């Protein structure tokens, strides 16, 4: 239990990665932990798509950058991207997908990987290009992008946590 709490308190977003791909064992451990995220009524409604192909990863990065009208790599050079989708027909779908993201990030810390929560997946996959990718990957039309968890080996891209704000928790 203590290790879990330490991992949760020390996890930071990584914004610079080594080019080296993560191992299959590390990836599988992170993905398995994500499948145990709590979901409303136990529906296990989210789906994840893992991208390690460099060309596809670069294409997704460019799509994400286009959403924010930028040219930089919003994936910070991470070699692995895990896209989390929600079931748009499920009232709990967004919350379920967010829980999957939290498990991905915390599991990455536990196995020694850098990670970062990347927004704009909803906008990416609401485009014709995004819809075509979803169809190519076999996702149902009601599956909607929520976020992307990038994974890799930290190359000096994390920084210490800021002090927690005084009124983060209010007791009454």
Protein backbone atom coordinates (compact mmCIF):
# COMPACT_ATOMS: atom_id res chain seq x y z
CA UNK A 1 0.00 0.00 0.00
CA UNK A 2 2.76 2.46 0.89
CA UNK A 3 4.40 2.06 -2.55
CA UNK A 4 1.14 2.93 -4.27
CA UNK A 5 0.81 6.14 -2.27
CA UNK A 6 4.42 7.10 -3.00
CA UNK A 7 3.90 6.49 -6.72
CA UNK A 8 0.77 8.62 -6.72
CA UNK A 9 2.52 11.48 -4.89
CA UNK A 10 5.69 11.39 -7.00
CA UNK A 11 4.14 10.96 -10.45
CA UNK A 12 4.75 14.01 -12.64
CA UNK A 13 3.98 14.76 -16.26
CA UNK A 14 7.01 14.11 -18.47
CA UNK A 15 7.61 16.52 -21.33
CA UNK A 16 10.84 15.14 -22.82
CA UNK A 17 11.43 11.50 -23.78
CA UNK A 18 14.22 9.29 -25.00
CA UNK A 19 13.66 7.90 -28.52
CA UNK A 20 14.01 4.31 -27.23
CA UNK A 21 10.75 2.34 -27.32
CA UNK A 22 9.42 0.96 -24.03
CA UNK A 23 9.44 -2.79 -23.52
CA UNK A 24 6.45 -4.97 -24.24
CA UNK A 25 6.47 -6.10 -20.60
CA UNK A 26 6.26 -2.49 -19.33
CA UNK A 27 3.49 -1.66 -21.80
CA UNK A 28 1.44 -4.74 -20.91
CA UNK A 29 1.74 -4.00 -17.18
CA UNK A 30 0.46 -0.46 -17.69
CA UNK A 31 -2.37 -1.56 -19.98
CA UNK A 32 -3.46 -4.34 -17.63
CA UNK A 33 -3.65 -1.87 -14.73
CA UNK A 34 -5.81 0.40 -16.90
CA UNK A 35 -8.28 -2.41 -17.55
CA UNK A 36 -8.91 -2.55 -13.79
CA UNK A 37 -10.06 1.08 -13.62
CA UNK A 38 -13.45 1.49 -11.99
CA UNK A 39 -16.31 1.97 -14.42
CA UNK A 40 -19.97 2.76 -13.81
CA UNK A 41 -21.90 -0.45 -13.17
CA UNK A 42 -18.77 -2.40 -14.13
CA UNK A 43 -19.47 -1.86 -17.84
CA UNK A 44 -15.78 -1.57 -18.81
CA UNK A 45 -17.03 0.77 -21.52
CA UNK A 46 -13.78 2.56 -22.52
CA UNK A 47 -11.46 1.25 -25.20
CA UNK A 48 -7.76 1.92 -25.70
CA UNK A 49 -5.77 2.01 -28.91
CA UNK A 50 -2.00 1.63 -28.55
CA UNK A 51 0.20 3.31 -31.14
CA UNK A 52 3.91 2.51 -31.34
CA UNK A 53 4.34 2.78 -35.10
CA UNK A 54 6.49 5.93 -35.57
CA UNK A 55 4.68 7.11 -38.72
CA UNK A 56 1.23 6.77 -37.17
CA UNK A 57 2.44 8.31 -33.93
CA UNK A 58 3.75 11.31 -35.89
CA UNK A 59 0.46 11.57 -37.79
CA UNK A 60 -1.51 11.60 -34.53
CA UNK A 61 0.85 14.19 -33.06
CA UNK A 62 0.31 16.41 -36.11
CA UNK A 63 -3.47 16.01 -35.78
CA UNK A 64 -3.26 17.00 -32.12
CA UNK A 65 -1.03 19.99 -32.90
CA UNK A 66 -3.47 21.14 -35.59
CA UNK A 67 -6.29 21.27 -33.02
CA UNK A 68 -4.31 23.82 -31.01
CA UNK A 69 -2.98 25.56 -34.14
CA UNK A 70 0.63 24.71 -33.29
CA UNK A 71 3.52 23.07 -35.09
CA UNK A 72 5.44 21.61 -32.14
CA UNK A 73 5.18 17.95 -31.12
CA UNK A 74 2.49 17.82 -28.40
CA UNK A 75 3.64 14.25 -27.65
CA UNK A 76 7.08 15.56 -26.58
CA UNK A 77 8.88 12.80 -28.48
CA UNK A 78 7.24 9.95 -26.55
CA UNK A 79 7.45 6.75 -28.60
CA UNK A 80 4.15 5.28 -27.35
CA UNK A 81 0.67 6.78 -27.32
CA UNK A 82 -2.38 5.15 -25.75
CA UNK A 83 -5.60 6.76 -26.96
CA UNK A 84 -8.53 6.35 -24.58
CA UNK A 85 -12.02 6.37 -26.05
CA UNK A 86 -15.35 6.66 -24.26
CA UNK A 87 -18.64 5.12 -25.24
CA UNK A 88 -20.77 8.09 -26.27
CA UNK A 89 -23.92 6.03 -25.64
CA UNK A 90 -22.94 5.41 -22.00
CA UNK A 91 -23.91 8.12 -19.48
CA UNK A 92 -20.81 7.22 -17.44
CA UNK A 93 -18.54 6.97 -20.49
CA UNK A 94 -16.50 10.14 -19.91
CA UNK A 95 -15.89 9.43 -16.22
CA UNK A 96 -15.03 5.81 -17.03
CA UNK A 97 -12.43 6.90 -19.59
CA UNK A 98 -10.94 9.41 -17.15
CA UNK A 99 -10.50 6.62 -14.60
CA UNK A 100 -8.68 4.57 -17.25
CA UNK A 101 -6.38 7.55 -17.89
CA UNK A 102 -5.63 7.87 -14.17
CA UNK A 103 -4.72 4.18 -13.96
CA UNK A 104 -2.49 4.48 -17.05
CA UNK A 105 -0.59 7.42 -15.54
CA UNK A 106 -0.17 5.86 -12.10
CA UNK A 107 0.80 2.45 -13.50
CA UNK A 108 3.42 4.10 -15.72
CA UNK A 109 4.99 5.63 -12.61
CA UNK A 110 4.91 2.26 -10.85
CA UNK A 111 6.91 0.57 -13.64
CA UNK A 112 9.37 3.45 -14.05
CA UNK A 113 8.01 5.10 -17.19
CA UNK A 114 7.43 8.75 -17.94
CA UNK A 115 3.90 9.69 -18.92
CA UNK A 116 1.72 12.68 -19.69
CA UNK A 117 -2.00 13.31 -20.13
CA UNK A 118 -2.58 14.84 -23.56
CA UNK A 119 -5.87 16.61 -24.25
CA UNK A 120 -7.62 17.29 -27.56
CA UNK A 121 -8.46 13.66 -28.44
CA UNK A 122 -12.15 14.58 -28.70
CA UNK A 123 -11.39 17.19 -31.34
CA UNK A 124 -8.93 14.92 -33.16
CA UNK A 125 -11.38 12.08 -33.57
CA UNK A 126 -14.37 14.26 -34.46
CA UNK A 127 -12.68 15.09 -37.78
CA UNK A 128 -13.11 13.07 -40.98
CA UNK A 129 -9.50 11.87 -40.60
CA UNK A 130 -10.16 10.83 -37.00
CA UNK A 131 -13.40 9.09 -37.90
CA UNK A 132 -11.57 7.19 -40.67
CA UNK A 133 -8.90 6.05 -38.20
CA UNK A 134 -11.55 4.86 -35.74
CA UNK A 135 -13.21 2.84 -38.50
CA UNK A 136 -9.85 1.41 -39.59
CA UNK A 137 -9.18 0.36 -35.98
CA UNK A 138 -12.59 -1.32 -35.67
CA UNK A 139 -14.06 1.11 -33.15
CA UNK A 140 -17.82 1.60 -33.12
CA UNK A 141 -19.03 5.01 -34.35
CA UNK A 142 -20.26 6.00 -30.86
CA UNK A 143 -16.71 5.73 -29.45
CA UNK A 144 -15.38 9.24 -28.80
CA UNK A 145 -11.83 10.34 -28.06
CA UNK A 146 -11.16 11.51 -24.51
CA UNK A 147 -7.41 11.76 -24.00
CA UNK A 148 -4.04 10.30 -24.91
CA UNK A 149 -1.53 8.88 -22.45
CA UNK A 150 1.96 9.19 -23.87
CA UNK A 151 4.59 6.81 -22.51
CA UNK A 152 8.34 6.53 -22.70
CA UNK A 153 11.60 6.86 -20.83
CA UNK A 154 12.11 10.23 -19.17
CA UNK A 155 14.94 12.27 -20.69
CA UNK A 156 14.97 15.06 -18.13
CA UNK A 157 11.39 16.08 -18.80
CA UNK A 158 9.90 16.00 -15.29
CA UNK A 159 10.01 18.56 -12.55
CA UNK A 160 9.24 18.51 -8.81
CA UNK A 161 5.67 18.92 -7.68
CA UNK A 162 4.44 22.34 -6.70
CA UNK A 163 3.36 22.65 -3.07
CA UNK A 164 -0.24 21.58 -2.57
CA UNK A 165 -2.64 24.51 -2.15
CA UNK A 166 -3.89 25.15 1.38
CA UNK A 167 -7.59 24.82 0.59
CA UNK A 168 -7.34 21.69 -1.57
CA UNK A 169 -9.36 19.79 1.06
CA UNK A 170 -12.09 21.40 3.11
CA UNK A 171 -13.39 19.64 6.21
CA UNK A 172 -16.87 20.47 7.51
